[in-house]
Amino acid sequence: MSTTYQILADISAGISELKKNPMAVISQGNGNPIAILNRNEPVFYAVPAEAYEELMDKLEDIELAQIVKERLGLPTIKVDINDL
């Protein structure tokens, strides 16, 4: 029975190809993640630093939005800026 794997990247490369020339593999992605495969199974994603930073920013935005939703309807506290 053959197993099918979902690949969440437009580009993929074998792990042996990555070992041979990592920077050449990374450059193939043009700034996008690359699925690294071992025996045609995705084992990890090589994500460029800029894309990773964007992902972390988006996750933080999602977490902050969740906090805002949880606090909706709570009583407000008036604060005078001069008292801070």
C-alpha atoms as a PDB file:
ATOM      1  CA  MET A   1       0.000   0.000   0.000  1.00  0.00           C
ATOM      2  CA  SER A   2       1.440   3.355  -0.977  1.00  0.00           C
ATOM      3  CA  THR A   3       1.137   6.382   1.277  1.00  0.00           C
ATOM      4  CA  THR A   4       0.426   9.849  -0.067  1.00  0.00           C
ATOM      5  CA  TYR A   5       1.885  12.894   1.644  1.00  0.00           C
ATOM      6  CA  GLN A   6       0.716  16.475   1.411  1.00  0.00           C
ATOM      7  CA  ILE A   7       3.569  18.776   0.376  1.00  0.00           C
ATOM      8  CA  LEU A   8       3.024  22.324   1.630  1.00  0.00           C
ATOM      9  CA  ALA A   9       5.545  23.984  -0.679  1.00  0.00           C
ATOM     10  CA  ASP A  10       5.811  24.639  -4.397  1.00  0.00           C
ATOM     11  CA  ILE A  11       9.399  23.365  -4.508  1.00  0.00           C
ATOM     12  CA  SER A  12      10.817  20.167  -3.076  1.00  0.00           C
ATOM     13  CA  ALA A  13      14.281  18.655  -2.935  1.00  0.00           C
ATOM     14  CA  GLY A  14      15.781  15.413  -1.728  1.00  0.00           C
ATOM     15  CA  ILE A  15      17.799  15.338   1.453  1.00  0.00           C
ATOM     16  CA  SER A  16      20.851  14.075  -0.451  1.00  0.00           C
ATOM     17  CA  GLU A  17      20.558  17.067  -2.807  1.00  0.00           C
ATOM     18  CA  LEU A  18      20.390  19.359   0.233  1.00  0.00           C
ATOM     19  CA  LYS A  19      23.498  17.738   1.747  1.00  0.00           C
ATOM     20  CA  LYS A  20      25.390  18.120  -1.514  1.00  0.00           C
ATOM     21  CA  ASN A  21      24.711  21.830  -2.038  1.00  0.00           C
ATOM     22  CA  PRO A  22      22.451  23.462   0.575  1.00  0.00           C
ATOM     23  CA  MET A  23      22.634  27.001  -0.796  1.00  0.00           C
ATOM     24  CA  ALA A  24      21.754  25.867  -4.328  1.00  0.00           C
ATOM     25  CA  VAL A  25      18.645  24.139  -2.960  1.00  0.00           C
ATOM     26  CA  ILE A  26      17.639  27.198  -0.939  1.00  0.00           C
ATOM     27  CA  SER A  27      18.107  29.493  -3.939  1.00  0.00           C
ATOM     28  CA  GLN A  28      15.651  27.345  -5.945  1.00  0.00           C
ATOM     29  CA  GLY A  29      12.869  28.499  -3.633  1.00  0.00           C
ATOM     30  CA  ASN A  30      13.291  32.188  -4.516  1.00  0.00           C
ATOM     31  CA  GLY A  31      12.550  33.182  -0.915  1.00  0.00           C
ATOM     32  CA  ASN A  32       9.794  30.600  -0.391  1.00  0.00           C
ATOM     33  CA  PRO A  33       9.859  27.439   1.749  1.00  0.00           C
ATOM     34  CA  ILE A  34      11.192  24.219   0.237  1.00  0.00           C
ATOM     35  CA  ALA A  35       9.959  20.780   1.249  1.00  0.00           C
ATOM     36  CA  ILE A  36      12.876  18.469   1.996  1.00  0.00           C
ATOM     37  CA  LEU A  37      12.082  14.856   1.192  1.00  0.00           C
ATOM     38  CA  ASN A  38      13.587  11.582   2.339  1.00  0.00           C
ATOM     39  CA  ARG A  39      12.443   8.630   0.227  1.00  0.00           C
ATOM     40  CA  ASN A  40       9.685  10.843  -1.227  1.00  0.00           C
ATOM     41  CA  GLU A  41       8.349  11.662   2.244  1.00  0.00           C
ATOM     42  CA  PRO A  42       8.496  15.244   3.543  1.00  0.00           C
ATOM     43  CA  VAL A  43      10.754  15.352   6.604  1.00  0.00           C
ATOM     44  CA  PHE A  44      11.059  19.112   7.094  1.00  0.00           C
ATOM     45  CA  TYR A  45      10.713  22.474   5.398  1.00  0.00           C
ATOM     46  CA  ALA A  46      13.631  24.777   4.722  1.00  0.00           C
ATOM     47  CA  VAL A  47      12.220  28.236   5.377  1.00  0.00           C
ATOM     48  CA  PRO A  48      14.279  31.342   4.543  1.00  0.00           C
ATOM     49  CA  ALA A  49      14.857  33.703   7.485  1.00  0.00           C
ATOM     50  CA  GLU A  50      12.676  36.472   6.025  1.00  0.00           C
ATOM     51  CA  ALA A  51       9.732  34.104   5.468  1.00  0.00           C
ATOM     52  CA  TYR A  52      10.148  32.700   8.984  1.00  0.00           C
ATOM     53  CA  GLU A  53      10.132  36.195  10.480  1.00  0.00           C
ATOM     54  CA  GLU A  54       6.932  37.033   8.556  1.00  0.00           C
ATOM     55  CA  LEU A  55       5.352  33.827   9.828  1.00  0.00           C
ATOM     56  CA  MET A  56       6.260  34.684  13.432  1.00  0.00           C
ATOM     57  CA  ASP A  57       4.787  38.190  12.993  1.00  0.00           C
ATOM     58  CA  LYS A  58       1.532  36.715  11.674  1.00  0.00           C
ATOM     59  CA  LEU A  59       1.327  34.255  14.566  1.00  0.00           C
ATOM     60  CA  GLU A  60       1.850  37.087  17.032  1.00  0.00           C
ATOM     61  CA  ASP A  61      -0.927  39.082  15.319  1.00  0.00           C
ATOM     62  CA  ILE A  62      -3.274  36.081  15.637  1.00  0.00           C
ATOM     63  CA  GLU A  63      -2.434  35.727  19.351  1.00  0.00           C
ATOM     64  CA  LEU A  64      -3.008  39.445  19.958  1.00  0.00           C
ATOM     65  CA  ALA A  65      -6.325  39.327  18.090  1.00  0.00           C
ATOM     66  CA  GLN A  66      -7.403  36.438  20.318  1.00  0.00           C
ATOM     67  CA  ILE A  67      -6.558  38.481  23.436  1.00  0.00           C
ATOM     68  CA  VAL A  68      -8.605  41.399  22.085  1.00  0.00           C
ATOM     69  CA  LYS A  69     -11.593  39.103  21.448  1.00  0.00           C
ATOM     70  CA  GLU A  70     -11.347  37.665  24.958  1.00  0.00           C
ATOM     71  CA  ARG A  71     -11.299  41.154  26.484  1.00  0.00           C
ATOM     72  CA  LEU A  72     -14.238  42.542  24.525  1.00  0.00           C
ATOM     73  CA  GLY A  73     -17.039  43.473  26.873  1.00  0.00           C
ATOM     74  CA  LEU A  74     -14.841  43.681  29.969  1.00  0.00           C
ATOM     75  CA  PRO A  75     -15.201  46.844  32.015  1.00  0.00           C
ATOM     76  CA  THR A  76     -12.847  49.648  31.053  1.00  0.00           C
ATOM     77  CA  ILE A  77     -10.532  51.423  33.443  1.00  0.00           C
ATOM     78  CA  LYS A  78      -9.983  55.139  32.970  1.00  0.00           C
ATOM     79  CA  VAL A  79      -6.377  56.220  33.407  1.00  0.00           C
ATOM     80  CA  ASP A  80      -4.923  59.691  33.431  1.00  0.00           C
ATOM     81  CA  ILE A  81      -1.630  59.812  31.518  1.00  0.00           C
ATOM     82  CA  ASN A  82      -0.228  62.148  34.164  1.00  0.00           C
ATOM     83  CA  ASP A  83      -0.731  59.491  36.833  1.00  0.00           C
ATOM     84  CA  LEU A  84       1.532  57.023  35.058  1.00  0.00           C
END
